[in-house]
Amino acid sequence: MKSRIYMAPMEGLTDYTFRRAYEATFGKGRVDKYFTPFISPNQSENFLAREIRDIDSEHNKGTNVVVQVMTNEPKDFIWTAKMLHEKYGYSEINLNAGCPSGTVVSKDKGSGMLRDAEKLDRFLDAVFEDTFIQNNIKVSVKTRIGVENDENFPDIMDVYNRYPLEELIVHPRVRTDYYRNDLHLDAFRYAVENSTNPLVLNGDIFTRKNYIEMRHKFPEVHTFMLGRGLIADPGLIDVLVSEEPESFVRDLDSDKKRMKELHNLVYADRVSIMPGDTHAIHRMKEMWCYMEYVFDDCKKEIKAIKKSQRMEDYKAAVDVFFNRAKLAERENIIFSKKF
């Protein structure tokens, strides 16, 4: 059975500029859902300009986009869902119960919601009791398995099982893991065996090997969400959706050409909405934090990209990189470098 593939929300990376460039070059209708970086409702009950750009239907044509919302207040989730549906046409909203950021968790948002299973239950109860939600909105949740440990994960799962979630996307780490340490696959196995809602596995699928291992470990799971893996190696999608991922043969030369096309489309969009060189270059360099891991013989060229401060220097360094660097398919990737 072929898998369903979702693109994870990554703040600063998977905005509409990246999503539509990815769909044009690699996705081609094969990414089942693209999730937006989270919207955080504010007291004015209006969206920020950058949020409006990201959810604008004109910017998301031809893609199945799910908006992620981060709040611990039911009323804020409800008005946000209502506005997203009535003004922008969205019918599925994803609750962020996984963000590990300290400033988020200190406000009991993101993975901070997992501190108190009863409070999480009250939140979901209020949301699903709302008539508008019942009639118009599919609610999915992206969750971690705890804050400091996974001892309370069965209680958290009991809460999720009380509600008709569209999907439960599980990143099997606790908040204090951030994006380090091994996945808690025993906890995910518990979810597989006990969830009454459809499950999605999210986390550490960066390579063909990672994907095949997860499929073998969890044959019951048919939907996978990738973030860093698809940014680092966009052509991995061809493996993920193939009938025989073990034996699928990639055309790495073609993939490298498409990666340059993807880069150029994102670059053009971001330059058009970001004033000045500094901001736009910084945002582009965030992509290179991941893409550099799938190229051989590129240390000198990557260094030139990192050092560039002006657009002219950045563009020249990128051209040299794509002319010289060789794309390689890795068995394993361990992300550690930052600019």
C-alpha atoms as a PDB file:
ATOM      1  CA  MET A   1       0.000   0.000   0.000  1.00  0.00           C
ATOM      2  CA  LYS A   2       1.384   3.384  -1.007  1.00  0.00           C
ATOM      3  CA  SER A   3       1.871   5.887   1.772  1.00  0.00           C
ATOM      4  CA  ARG A   4       0.272   9.279   2.150  1.00  0.00           C
ATOM      5  CA  ILE A   5       2.872  12.014   2.581  1.00  0.00           C
ATOM      6  CA  TYR A   6       2.428  15.306   4.446  1.00  0.00           C
ATOM      7  CA  MET A   7       4.773  18.283   4.633  1.00  0.00           C
ATOM      8  CA  ALA A   8       5.335  19.407   8.216  1.00  0.00           C
ATOM      9  CA  PRO A   9       5.003  23.016   9.324  1.00  0.00           C
ATOM     10  CA  MET A  10       8.394  24.632   9.964  1.00  0.00           C
ATOM     11  CA  GLU A  11       8.438  28.268  10.983  1.00  0.00           C
ATOM     12  CA  GLY A  12      10.539  30.401   8.663  1.00  0.00           C
ATOM     13  CA  LEU A  13      10.891  27.593   6.147  1.00  0.00           C
ATOM     14  CA  THR A  14       7.637  26.064   4.873  1.00  0.00           C
ATOM     15  CA  ASP A  15       5.688  29.242   4.210  1.00  0.00           C
ATOM     16  CA  TYR A  16       3.762  29.594   0.960  1.00  0.00           C
ATOM     17  CA  THR A  17       6.878  30.600  -0.957  1.00  0.00           C
ATOM     18  CA  PHE A  18       8.433  27.216  -0.245  1.00  0.00           C
ATOM     19  CA  ARG A  19       5.228  25.187  -0.479  1.00  0.00           C
ATOM     20  CA  ARG A  20       4.241  26.376  -3.924  1.00  0.00           C
ATOM     21  CA  ALA A  21       7.813  26.143  -5.223  1.00  0.00           C
ATOM     22  CA  TYR A  22       8.033  22.598  -3.885  1.00  0.00           C
ATOM     23  CA  GLU A  23       4.716  21.646  -5.457  1.00  0.00           C
ATOM     24  CA  ALA A  24       5.809  23.062  -8.827  1.00  0.00           C
ATOM     25  CA  THR A  25       9.148  21.241  -8.868  1.00  0.00           C
ATOM     26  CA  PHE A  26       8.830  18.065  -6.793  1.00  0.00           C
ATOM     27  CA  GLY A  27       5.349  17.682  -5.291  1.00  0.00           C
ATOM     28  CA  LYS A  28       3.341  17.479  -8.503  1.00  0.00           C
ATOM     29  CA  GLY A  29       0.160  16.495  -6.650  1.00  0.00           C
ATOM     30  CA  ARG A  30       1.869  13.815  -4.581  1.00  0.00           C
ATOM     31  CA  VAL A  31       2.040  15.645  -1.257  1.00  0.00           C
ATOM     32  CA  ASP A  32      -1.348  14.897   0.246  1.00  0.00           C
ATOM     33  CA  LYS A  33      -1.321  17.806   2.711  1.00  0.00           C
ATOM     34  CA  TYR A  34       0.864  20.841   3.305  1.00  0.00           C
ATOM     35  CA  PHE A  35       0.662  22.239   6.848  1.00  0.00           C
ATOM     36  CA  THR A  36       1.275  25.935   7.444  1.00  0.00           C
ATOM     37  CA  PRO A  37       3.527  27.256  10.196  1.00  0.00           C
ATOM     38  CA  PHE A  38       1.256  28.036  13.133  1.00  0.00           C
ATOM     39  CA  ILE A  39      -1.039  31.003  13.450  1.00  0.00           C
ATOM     40  CA  SER A  40      -1.183  32.347  17.004  1.00  0.00           C
ATOM     41  CA  PRO A  41      -4.547  34.071  17.653  1.00  0.00           C
ATOM     42  CA  ASN A  42      -4.319  37.568  19.142  1.00  0.00           C
ATOM     43  CA  GLN A  43      -6.702  39.756  21.116  1.00  0.00           C
ATOM     44  CA  SER A  44      -7.633  41.859  18.089  1.00  0.00           C
ATOM     45  CA  GLU A  45      -9.164  38.763  16.449  1.00  0.00           C
ATOM     46  CA  ASN A  46      -7.396  39.590  13.211  1.00  0.00           C
ATOM     47  CA  PHE A  47      -4.571  37.894  11.375  1.00  0.00           C
ATOM     48  CA  LEU A  48      -1.147  39.461  10.935  1.00  0.00           C
ATOM     49  CA  ALA A  49      -0.090  40.552   7.454  1.00  0.00           C
ATOM     50  CA  ARG A  50       2.419  37.694   7.116  1.00  0.00           C
ATOM     51  CA  GLU A  51      -0.236  35.212   8.235  1.00  0.00           C
ATOM     52  CA  ILE A  52      -2.669  36.539   5.644  1.00  0.00           C
ATOM     53  CA  ARG A  53      -0.009  36.175   2.930  1.00  0.00           C
ATOM     54  CA  ASP A  54       0.605  32.607   3.962  1.00  0.00           C
ATOM     55  CA  ILE A  55      -3.040  31.483   3.991  1.00  0.00           C
ATOM     56  CA  ASP A  56      -4.225  33.542   1.017  1.00  0.00           C
ATOM     57  CA  SER A  57      -5.940  31.178  -1.400  1.00  0.00           C
ATOM     58  CA  GLU A  58      -4.156  32.870  -4.328  1.00  0.00           C
ATOM     59  CA  HIS A  59      -0.849  31.779  -2.827  1.00  0.00           C
ATOM     60  CA  ASN A  60      -2.003  28.198  -2.272  1.00  0.00           C
ATOM     61  CA  LYS A  61      -3.613  27.224  -5.554  1.00  0.00           C
ATOM     62  CA  GLY A  62      -3.211  23.590  -6.504  1.00  0.00           C
ATOM     63  CA  THR A  63      -2.197  22.438  -3.021  1.00  0.00           C
ATOM     64  CA  ASN A  64      -4.158  20.896  -0.165  1.00  0.00           C
ATOM     65  CA  VAL A  65      -3.239  23.218   2.701  1.00  0.00           C
ATOM     66  CA  VAL A  66      -4.097  22.728   6.363  1.00  0.00           C
ATOM     67  CA  VAL A  67      -3.678  25.726   8.667  1.00  0.00           C
ATOM     68  CA  GLN A  68      -2.060  25.047  12.019  1.00  0.00           C
ATOM     69  CA  VAL A  69      -3.246  27.077  15.014  1.00  0.00           C
ATOM     70  CA  MET A  70      -1.486  27.425  18.354  1.00  0.00           C
ATOM     71  CA  THR A  71      -3.585  28.456  21.342  1.00  0.00           C
ATOM     72  CA  ASN A  72      -4.775  27.061  24.660  1.00  0.00           C
ATOM     73  CA  GLU A  73      -8.007  29.073  24.640  1.00  0.00           C
ATOM     74  CA  PRO A  74     -11.014  27.352  23.030  1.00  0.00           C
ATOM     75  CA  LYS A  75     -12.668  30.645  22.110  1.00  0.00           C
ATOM     76  CA  ASP A  76      -9.548  31.746  20.214  1.00  0.00           C
ATOM     77  CA  PHE A  77      -9.359  28.450  18.361  1.00  0.00           C
ATOM     78  CA  ILE A  78     -13.035  28.749  17.439  1.00  0.00           C
ATOM     79  CA  TRP A  79     -12.983  32.325  16.106  1.00  0.00           C
ATOM     80  CA  THR A  80      -9.795  31.546  14.187  1.00  0.00           C
ATOM     81  CA  ALA A  81     -11.385  28.459  12.636  1.00  0.00           C
ATOM     82  CA  LYS A  82     -14.502  30.434  11.774  1.00  0.00           C
ATOM     83  CA  MET A  83     -12.525  33.183  10.037  1.00  0.00           C
ATOM     84  CA  LEU A  84     -10.343  30.660   8.214  1.00  0.00           C
ATOM     85  CA  HIS A  85     -13.436  28.889   6.946  1.00  0.00           C
ATOM     86  CA  GLU A  86     -15.645  31.839   6.069  1.00  0.00           C
ATOM     87  CA  LYS A  87     -13.041  34.212   4.666  1.00  0.00           C
ATOM     88  CA  TYR A  88     -10.401  31.867   3.276  1.00  0.00           C
ATOM     89  CA  GLY A  89     -12.262  28.610   2.626  1.00  0.00           C
ATOM     90  CA  TYR A  90     -10.421  26.234   4.962  1.00  0.00           C
ATOM     91  CA  SER A  91     -12.270  23.247   6.378  1.00  0.00           C
ATOM     92  CA  GLU A  92      -9.498  21.490   8.336  1.00  0.00           C
ATOM     93  CA  ILE A  93      -7.600  23.128  11.179  1.00  0.00           C
ATOM     94  CA  ASN A  94      -4.648  21.574  12.993  1.00  0.00           C
ATOM     95  CA  LEU A  95      -3.991  22.209  16.692  1.00  0.00           C
ATOM     96  CA  ASN A  96      -0.338  22.617  17.634  1.00  0.00           C
ATOM     97  CA  ALA A  97       0.273  20.580  20.802  1.00  0.00           C
ATOM     98  CA  GLY A  98       3.899  19.915  20.019  1.00  0.00           C
ATOM     99  CA  CYS A  99       6.011  23.072  19.746  1.00  0.00           C
ATOM    100  CA  PRO A 100       8.893  22.770  22.268  1.00  0.00           C
ATOM    101  CA  SER A 101       9.930  26.445  22.302  1.00  0.00           C
ATOM    102  CA  GLY A 102      10.495  27.766  25.818  1.00  0.00           C
ATOM    103  CA  THR A 103       8.492  30.947  25.264  1.00  0.00           C
ATOM    104  CA  VAL A 104       5.581  28.865  23.972  1.00  0.00           C
ATOM    105  CA  VAL A 105       5.670  26.180  26.662  1.00  0.00           C
ATOM    106  CA  SER A 106       5.911  28.766  29.463  1.00  0.00           C
ATOM    107  CA  LYS A 107       2.439  29.938  28.391  1.00  0.00           C
ATOM    108  CA  ASP A 108       1.086  26.364  28.408  1.00  0.00           C
ATOM    109  CA  LYS A 109       0.808  26.374  24.637  1.00  0.00           C
ATOM    110  CA  GLY A 110       2.279  23.946  22.137  1.00  0.00           C
ATOM    111  CA  SER A 111       3.695  20.957  23.998  1.00  0.00           C
ATOM    112  CA  GLY A 112       2.981  22.890  27.199  1.00  0.00           C
ATOM    113  CA  MET A 113      -0.642  21.793  26.771  1.00  0.00           C
ATOM    114  CA  LEU A 114       0.469  18.261  27.638  1.00  0.00           C
ATOM    115  CA  ARG A 115       1.361  19.200  31.225  1.00  0.00           C
ATOM    116  CA  ASP A 116      -2.264  18.867  32.305  1.00  0.00           C
ATOM    117  CA  ALA A 117      -4.367  16.199  30.627  1.00  0.00           C
ATOM    118  CA  GLU A 118      -7.543  17.467  32.301  1.00  0.00           C
ATOM    119  CA  LYS A 119      -7.006  20.972  30.958  1.00  0.00           C
ATOM    120  CA  LEU A 120      -6.334  19.540  27.495  1.00  0.00           C
ATOM    121  CA  ASP A 121      -9.592  17.603  27.824  1.00  0.00           C
ATOM    122  CA  ARG A 122     -11.517  20.759  28.724  1.00  0.00           C
ATOM    123  CA  PHE A 123     -10.025  22.558  25.731  1.00  0.00           C
ATOM    124  CA  LEU A 124     -11.039  19.854  23.272  1.00  0.00           C
ATOM    125  CA  ASP A 125     -14.436  19.433  24.877  1.00  0.00           C
ATOM    126  CA  ALA A 126     -15.210  23.138  24.393  1.00  0.00           C
ATOM    127  CA  VAL A 127     -13.976  23.042  20.794  1.00  0.00           C
ATOM    128  CA  PHE A 128     -15.983  19.974  19.815  1.00  0.00           C
ATOM    129  CA  GLU A 129     -19.092  21.236  21.623  1.00  0.00           C
ATOM    130  CA  ASP A 130     -19.139  24.295  19.383  1.00  0.00           C
ATOM    131  CA  THR A 131     -21.848  24.036  16.727  1.00  0.00           C
ATOM    132  CA  PHE A 132     -19.811  25.828  14.070  1.00  0.00           C
ATOM    133  CA  ILE A 133     -16.913  23.422  14.540  1.00  0.00           C
ATOM    134  CA  GLN A 134     -19.263  20.442  14.424  1.00  0.00           C
ATOM    135  CA  ASN A 135     -20.814  21.565  11.146  1.00  0.00           C
ATOM    136  CA  ASN A 136     -17.846  22.992   9.285  1.00  0.00           C
ATOM    137  CA  ILE A 137     -14.409  22.106  10.601  1.00  0.00           C
ATOM    138  CA  LYS A 138     -12.327  18.957  10.722  1.00  0.00           C
ATOM    139  CA  VAL A 139      -9.939  19.187  13.664  1.00  0.00           C
ATOM    140  CA  SER A 140      -6.608  17.389  13.689  1.00  0.00           C
ATOM    141  CA  VAL A 141      -3.885  17.544  16.348  1.00  0.00           C
ATOM    142  CA  LYS A 142      -0.103  17.485  16.068  1.00  0.00           C
ATOM    143  CA  THR A 143       1.227  16.329  19.409  1.00  0.00           C
ATOM    144  CA  ARG A 144       4.291  15.255  21.316  1.00  0.00           C
ATOM    145  CA  ILE A 145       4.094  12.502  23.919  1.00  0.00           C
ATOM    146  CA  GLY A 146       4.776  14.534  27.053  1.00  0.00           C
ATOM    147  CA  VAL A 147       6.750  17.398  28.525  1.00  0.00           C
ATOM    148  CA  GLU A 148       9.628  15.887  30.510  1.00  0.00           C
ATOM    149  CA  ASN A 149       8.892  12.174  30.086  1.00  0.00           C
ATOM    150  CA  ASP A 150       6.332   9.922  28.422  1.00  0.00           C
ATOM    151  CA  GLU A 151       4.837   8.466  31.617  1.00  0.00           C
ATOM    152  CA  ASN A 152       1.598  10.400  31.131  1.00  0.00           C
ATOM    153  CA  PHE A 153       1.234   9.567  27.459  1.00  0.00           C
ATOM    154  CA  PRO A 154      -1.506   6.967  28.136  1.00  0.00           C
ATOM    155  CA  ASP A 155      -3.510   9.702  29.898  1.00  0.00           C
ATOM    156  CA  ILE A 156      -2.924  12.065  26.973  1.00  0.00           C
ATOM    157  CA  MET A 157      -4.037   9.367  24.544  1.00  0.00           C
ATOM    158  CA  ASP A 158      -7.178   8.784  26.622  1.00  0.00           C
ATOM    159  CA  VAL A 159      -8.047  12.446  26.118  1.00  0.00           C
ATOM    160  CA  TYR A 160      -7.510  12.332  22.355  1.00  0.00           C
ATOM    161  CA  ASN A 161      -9.558   9.145  22.113  1.00  0.00           C
ATOM    162  CA  ARG A 162     -12.608  10.949  23.508  1.00  0.00           C
ATOM    163  CA  TYR A 163     -12.880  13.144  20.418  1.00  0.00           C
ATOM    164  CA  PRO A 164     -13.460  12.509  16.694  1.00  0.00           C
ATOM    165  CA  LEU A 165     -10.173  13.917  15.446  1.00  0.00           C
ATOM    166  CA  GLU A 166      -9.593  14.016  11.722  1.00  0.00           C
ATOM    167  CA  GLU A 167      -6.090  12.743  12.472  1.00  0.00           C
ATOM    168  CA  LEU A 168      -3.638  12.500  15.334  1.00  0.00           C
ATOM    169  CA  ILE A 169      -0.132  13.389  14.172  1.00  0.00           C
ATOM    170  CA  VAL A 170       2.370  12.072  16.700  1.00  0.00           C
ATOM    171  CA  HIS A 171       5.934  13.296  17.011  1.00  0.00           C
ATOM    172  CA  PRO A 172       7.218  10.698  19.479  1.00  0.00           C
ATOM    173  CA  ARG A 173       9.473  12.932  21.529  1.00  0.00           C
ATOM    174  CA  VAL A 174       8.883  14.802  24.774  1.00  0.00           C
ATOM    175  CA  ARG A 175       9.246  18.546  24.947  1.00  0.00           C
ATOM    176  CA  THR A 176      12.680  18.443  26.625  1.00  0.00           C
ATOM    177  CA  ASP A 177      14.031  16.345  23.738  1.00  0.00           C
ATOM    178  CA  TYR A 178      13.414  19.257  21.393  1.00  0.00           C
ATOM    179  CA  TYR A 179      14.572  17.648  18.111  1.00  0.00           C
ATOM    180  CA  ARG A 180      17.386  15.642  19.676  1.00  0.00           C
ATOM    181  CA  ASN A 181      17.615  12.132  21.127  1.00  0.00           C
ATOM    182  CA  ASP A 182      16.038   9.016  19.736  1.00  0.00           C
ATOM    183  CA  LEU A 183      12.343   8.789  19.008  1.00  0.00           C
ATOM    184  CA  HIS A 184      10.261   7.113  21.734  1.00  0.00           C
ATOM    185  CA  LEU A 185       9.059   4.353  19.442  1.00  0.00           C
ATOM    186  CA  ASP A 186       7.604   2.371  22.340  1.00  0.00           C
ATOM    187  CA  ALA A 187       5.262   5.294  22.988  1.00  0.00           C
ATOM    188  CA  PHE A 188       4.311   5.444  19.334  1.00  0.00           C
ATOM    189  CA  ARG A 189       3.620   1.704  19.418  1.00  0.00           C
ATOM    190  CA  TYR A 190       1.249   2.434  22.309  1.00  0.00           C
ATOM    191  CA  ALA A 191      -0.505   5.010  20.124  1.00  0.00           C
ATOM    192  CA  VAL A 192      -0.791   2.516  17.265  1.00  0.00           C
ATOM    193  CA  GLU A 193      -2.347  -0.074  19.550  1.00  0.00           C
ATOM    194  CA  ASN A 194      -4.698   2.271  21.390  1.00  0.00           C
ATOM    195  CA  SER A 195      -5.672   5.242  19.210  1.00  0.00           C
ATOM    196  CA  THR A 196      -9.275   5.458  18.066  1.00  0.00           C
ATOM    197  CA  ASN A 197      -8.282   8.177  15.597  1.00  0.00           C
ATOM    198  CA  PRO A 198      -6.258   7.830  12.378  1.00  0.00           C
ATOM    199  CA  LEU A 199      -2.533   8.140  13.121  1.00  0.00           C
ATOM    200  CA  VAL A 200       0.276   9.950  11.332  1.00  0.00           C
ATOM    201  CA  LEU A 201       3.936   9.389  12.212  1.00  0.00           C
ATOM    202  CA  ASN A 202       6.139  12.483  12.270  1.00  0.00           C
ATOM    203  CA  GLY A 203       9.826  12.560  13.095  1.00  0.00           C
ATOM    204  CA  ASP A 204      13.299  11.665  11.816  1.00  0.00           C
ATOM    205  CA  ILE A 205      12.386  10.430   8.352  1.00  0.00           C
ATOM    206  CA  PHE A 206      15.283  12.007   6.493  1.00  0.00           C
ATOM    207  CA  THR A 207      16.309   9.221   4.108  1.00  0.00           C
ATOM    208  CA  ARG A 208      15.035   6.207   2.186  1.00  0.00           C
ATOM    209  CA  LYS A 209      16.493   3.972   4.929  1.00  0.00           C
ATOM    210  CA  ASN A 210      14.638   5.850   7.674  1.00  0.00           C
ATOM    211  CA  TYR A 211      11.361   5.579   5.762  1.00  0.00           C
ATOM    212  CA  ILE A 212      11.663   1.879   5.033  1.00  0.00           C
ATOM    213  CA  GLU A 213      12.571   1.152   8.662  1.00  0.00           C
ATOM    214  CA  MET A 214       9.485   2.997   9.912  1.00  0.00           C
ATOM    215  CA  ARG A 215       7.231   1.211   7.440  1.00  0.00           C
ATOM    216  CA  HIS A 216       8.561  -2.125   8.619  1.00  0.00           C
ATOM    217  CA  LYS A 217       8.237  -1.238  12.304  1.00  0.00           C
ATOM    218  CA  PHE A 218       4.719   0.142  11.929  1.00  0.00           C
ATOM    219  CA  PRO A 219       3.023  -1.607   8.991  1.00  0.00           C
ATOM    220  CA  GLU A 220      -0.342  -0.418  10.317  1.00  0.00           C
ATOM    221  CA  VAL A 221       0.615   3.219   9.652  1.00  0.00           C
ATOM    222  CA  HIS A 222       0.199   4.551   6.123  1.00  0.00           C
ATOM    223  CA  THR A 223       0.637   8.303   6.594  1.00  0.00           C
ATOM    224  CA  PHE A 224       3.929  10.034   7.283  1.00  0.00           C
ATOM    225  CA  MET A 225       4.779  13.689   7.880  1.00  0.00           C
ATOM    226  CA  LEU A 226       8.212  15.021   6.911  1.00  0.00           C
ATOM    227  CA  GLY A 227       9.748  18.427   7.467  1.00  0.00           C
ATOM    228  CA  ARG A 228      13.543  18.524   7.560  1.00  0.00           C
ATOM    229  CA  GLY A 229      13.774  15.476   5.295  1.00  0.00           C
ATOM    230  CA  LEU A 230      11.948  17.134   2.402  1.00  0.00           C
ATOM    231  CA  ILE A 231      13.807  20.429   2.791  1.00  0.00           C
ATOM    232  CA  ALA A 232      17.227  18.740   2.826  1.00  0.00           C
ATOM    233  CA  ASP A 233      16.427  16.289   0.037  1.00  0.00           C
ATOM    234  CA  PRO A 234      13.343  17.409  -1.901  1.00  0.00           C
ATOM    235  CA  GLY A 235      13.689  14.508  -4.348  1.00  0.00           C
ATOM    236  CA  LEU A 236      13.087  12.014  -1.544  1.00  0.00           C
ATOM    237  CA  ILE A 237       9.379  12.390  -2.376  1.00  0.00           C
ATOM    238  CA  ASP A 238       9.932  10.193  -5.443  1.00  0.00           C
ATOM    239  CA  VAL A 239      11.006   7.345  -3.176  1.00  0.00           C
ATOM    240  CA  LEU A 240       8.255   7.911  -0.627  1.00  0.00           C
ATOM    241  CA  VAL A 241       5.425   7.618  -3.142  1.00  0.00           C
ATOM    242  CA  SER A 242       6.890   4.853  -5.294  1.00  0.00           C
ATOM    243  CA  GLU A 243       5.373   1.392  -5.453  1.00  0.00           C
ATOM    244  CA  GLU A 244       8.715  -0.151  -4.484  1.00  0.00           C
ATOM    245  CA  PRO A 245      10.681   2.336  -2.356  1.00  0.00           C
ATOM    246  CA  GLU A 246      13.449  -0.184  -1.678  1.00  0.00           C
ATOM    247  CA  SER A 247      14.341  -0.542  -5.342  1.00  0.00           C
ATOM    248  CA  PHE A 248      13.322   2.830  -6.791  1.00  0.00           C
ATOM    249  CA  VAL A 249      16.230   4.323  -8.756  1.00  0.00           C
ATOM    250  CA  ARG A 250      16.657   8.073  -8.457  1.00  0.00           C
ATOM    251  CA  ASP A 251      17.954  10.389 -11.153  1.00  0.00           C
ATOM    252  CA  LEU A 252      20.216  12.537  -8.984  1.00  0.00           C
ATOM    253  CA  ASP A 253      21.270  14.794 -11.852  1.00  0.00           C
ATOM    254  CA  SER A 254      17.634  15.638 -12.508  1.00  0.00           C
ATOM    255  CA  ASP A 255      17.033  16.103  -8.785  1.00  0.00           C
ATOM    256  CA  LYS A 256      19.889  18.595  -8.533  1.00  0.00           C
ATOM    257  CA  LYS A 257      18.488  20.617 -11.444  1.00  0.00           C
ATOM    258  CA  ARG A 258      15.074  20.652  -9.796  1.00  0.00           C
ATOM    259  CA  MET A 259      16.638  21.709  -6.485  1.00  0.00           C
ATOM    260  CA  LYS A 260      18.157  24.731  -8.200  1.00  0.00           C
ATOM    261  CA  GLU A 261      14.767  25.506  -9.755  1.00  0.00           C
ATOM    262  CA  LEU A 262      13.105  25.142  -6.348  1.00  0.00           C
ATOM    263  CA  HIS A 263      15.688  27.432  -4.786  1.00  0.00           C
ATOM    264  CA  ASN A 264      15.246  30.060  -7.486  1.00  0.00           C
ATOM    265  CA  LEU A 265      11.453  30.079  -7.171  1.00  0.00           C
ATOM    266  CA  VAL A 266      11.635  30.503  -3.395  1.00  0.00           C
ATOM    267  CA  TYR A 267      14.302  33.162  -3.783  1.00  0.00           C
ATOM    268  CA  ALA A 268      12.237  35.192  -6.261  1.00  0.00           C
ATOM    269  CA  ASP A 269       9.162  35.112  -4.029  1.00  0.00           C
ATOM    270  CA  ARG A 270      11.010  36.000  -0.851  1.00  0.00           C
ATOM    271  CA  VAL A 271      12.940  38.855  -2.422  1.00  0.00           C
ATOM    272  CA  SER A 272       9.639  40.276  -3.648  1.00  0.00           C
ATOM    273  CA  ILE A 273       8.137  40.464  -0.134  1.00  0.00           C
ATOM    274  CA  MET A 274      11.212  41.177   2.026  1.00  0.00           C
ATOM    275  CA  PRO A 275      12.826  44.598   1.870  1.00  0.00           C
ATOM    276  CA  GLY A 276      16.609  44.769   1.839  1.00  0.00           C
ATOM    277  CA  ASP A 277      19.270  42.123   1.415  1.00  0.00           C
ATOM    278  CA  THR A 278      19.779  41.039   5.022  1.00  0.00           C
ATOM    279  CA  HIS A 279      16.367  39.570   5.801  1.00  0.00           C
ATOM    280  CA  ALA A 280      15.903  37.759   2.498  1.00  0.00           C
ATOM    281  CA  ILE A 281      19.426  36.301   2.516  1.00  0.00           C
ATOM    282  CA  HIS A 282      18.976  35.094   6.105  1.00  0.00           C
ATOM    283  CA  ARG A 283      15.746  33.321   5.191  1.00  0.00           C
ATOM    284  CA  MET A 284      17.382  31.660   2.198  1.00  0.00           C
ATOM    285  CA  LYS A 285      20.335  30.533   4.294  1.00  0.00           C
ATOM    286  CA  GLU A 286      17.921  28.680   6.576  1.00  0.00           C
ATOM    287  CA  MET A 287      17.203  26.320   3.671  1.00  0.00           C
ATOM    288  CA  TRP A 288      20.922  25.687   3.255  1.00  0.00           C
ATOM    289  CA  CYS A 289      21.140  24.568   6.906  1.00  0.00           C
ATOM    290  CA  TYR A 290      19.455  21.409   5.627  1.00  0.00           C
ATOM    291  CA  MET A 291      20.250  21.180   1.918  1.00  0.00           C
ATOM    292  CA  GLU A 292      24.014  21.164   2.454  1.00  0.00           C
ATOM    293  CA  TYR A 293      23.770  17.703   4.032  1.00  0.00           C
ATOM    294  CA  VAL A 294      22.935  15.946   0.761  1.00  0.00           C
ATOM    295  CA  PHE A 295      25.838  17.259  -1.303  1.00  0.00           C
ATOM    296  CA  ASP A 296      29.416  15.994  -1.593  1.00  0.00           C
ATOM    297  CA  ASP A 297      32.531  18.111  -2.052  1.00  0.00           C
ATOM    298  CA  CYS A 298      30.819  21.372  -1.190  1.00  0.00           C
ATOM    299  CA  LYS A 299      32.466  22.782   1.957  1.00  0.00           C
ATOM    300  CA  LYS A 300      34.153  25.656   0.151  1.00  0.00           C
ATOM    301  CA  GLU A 301      31.004  26.531  -1.820  1.00  0.00           C
ATOM    302  CA  ILE A 302      28.751  26.333   1.246  1.00  0.00           C
ATOM    303  CA  LYS A 303      31.152  28.580   3.148  1.00  0.00           C
ATOM    304  CA  ALA A 304      30.840  31.200   0.403  1.00  0.00           C
ATOM    305  CA  ILE A 305      27.029  31.060   0.658  1.00  0.00           C
ATOM    306  CA  LYS A 306      27.198  31.443   4.434  1.00  0.00           C
ATOM    307  CA  LYS A 307      29.535  34.418   4.236  1.00  0.00           C
ATOM    308  CA  SER A 308      27.510  36.327   1.639  1.00  0.00           C
ATOM    309  CA  GLN A 309      25.881  39.536   2.855  1.00  0.00           C
ATOM    310  CA  ARG A 310      24.729  41.122  -0.389  1.00  0.00           C
ATOM    311  CA  MET A 311      22.346  39.679  -2.949  1.00  0.00           C
ATOM    312  CA  GLU A 312      24.937  39.815  -5.727  1.00  0.00           C
ATOM    313  CA  ASP A 313      27.396  37.777  -3.654  1.00  0.00           C
ATOM    314  CA  TYR A 314      24.716  35.335  -2.558  1.00  0.00           C
ATOM    315  CA  LYS A 315      23.474  34.663  -6.100  1.00  0.00           C
ATOM    316  CA  ALA A 316      27.013  34.189  -7.395  1.00  0.00           C
ATOM    317  CA  ALA A 317      27.844  31.760  -4.585  1.00  0.00           C
ATOM    318  CA  VAL A 318      24.681  29.739  -5.231  1.00  0.00           C
ATOM    319  CA  ASP A 319      25.443  29.498  -8.959  1.00  0.00           C
ATOM    320  CA  VAL A 320      28.945  28.226  -8.217  1.00  0.00           C
ATOM    321  CA  PHE A 321      27.546  25.729  -5.725  1.00  0.00           C
ATOM    322  CA  PHE A 322      25.083  24.159  -8.136  1.00  0.00           C
ATOM    323  CA  ASN A 323      27.724  24.018 -10.886  1.00  0.00           C
ATOM    324  CA  ARG A 324      30.247  22.174  -8.716  1.00  0.00           C
ATOM    325  CA  ALA A 325      28.557  20.281  -5.900  1.00  0.00           C
ATOM    326  CA  LYS A 326      27.422  16.693  -6.372  1.00  0.00           C
ATOM    327  CA  LEU A 327      24.065  15.514  -5.031  1.00  0.00           C
ATOM    328  CA  ALA A 328      24.222  12.235  -3.122  1.00  0.00           C
ATOM    329  CA  GLU A 329      21.556  10.060  -1.550  1.00  0.00           C
ATOM    330  CA  ARG A 330      22.488   9.480   2.099  1.00  0.00           C
ATOM    331  CA  GLU A 331      21.691   6.417   4.173  1.00  0.00           C
ATOM    332  CA  ASN A 332      21.581   8.511   7.317  1.00  0.00           C
ATOM    333  CA  ILE A 333      21.568  12.236   8.067  1.00  0.00           C
ATOM    334  CA  ILE A 334      22.254  13.795  11.458  1.00  0.00           C
ATOM    335  CA  PHE A 335      21.427  17.499  11.434  1.00  0.00           C
ATOM    336  CA  SER A 336      23.601  19.533  13.743  1.00  0.00           C
ATOM    337  CA  LYS A 337      25.021  22.581  12.002  1.00  0.00           C
ATOM    338  CA  LYS A 338      23.528  26.040  12.216  1.00  0.00           C
ATOM    339  CA  PHE A 339      24.580  29.263  10.536  1.00  0.00           C
END
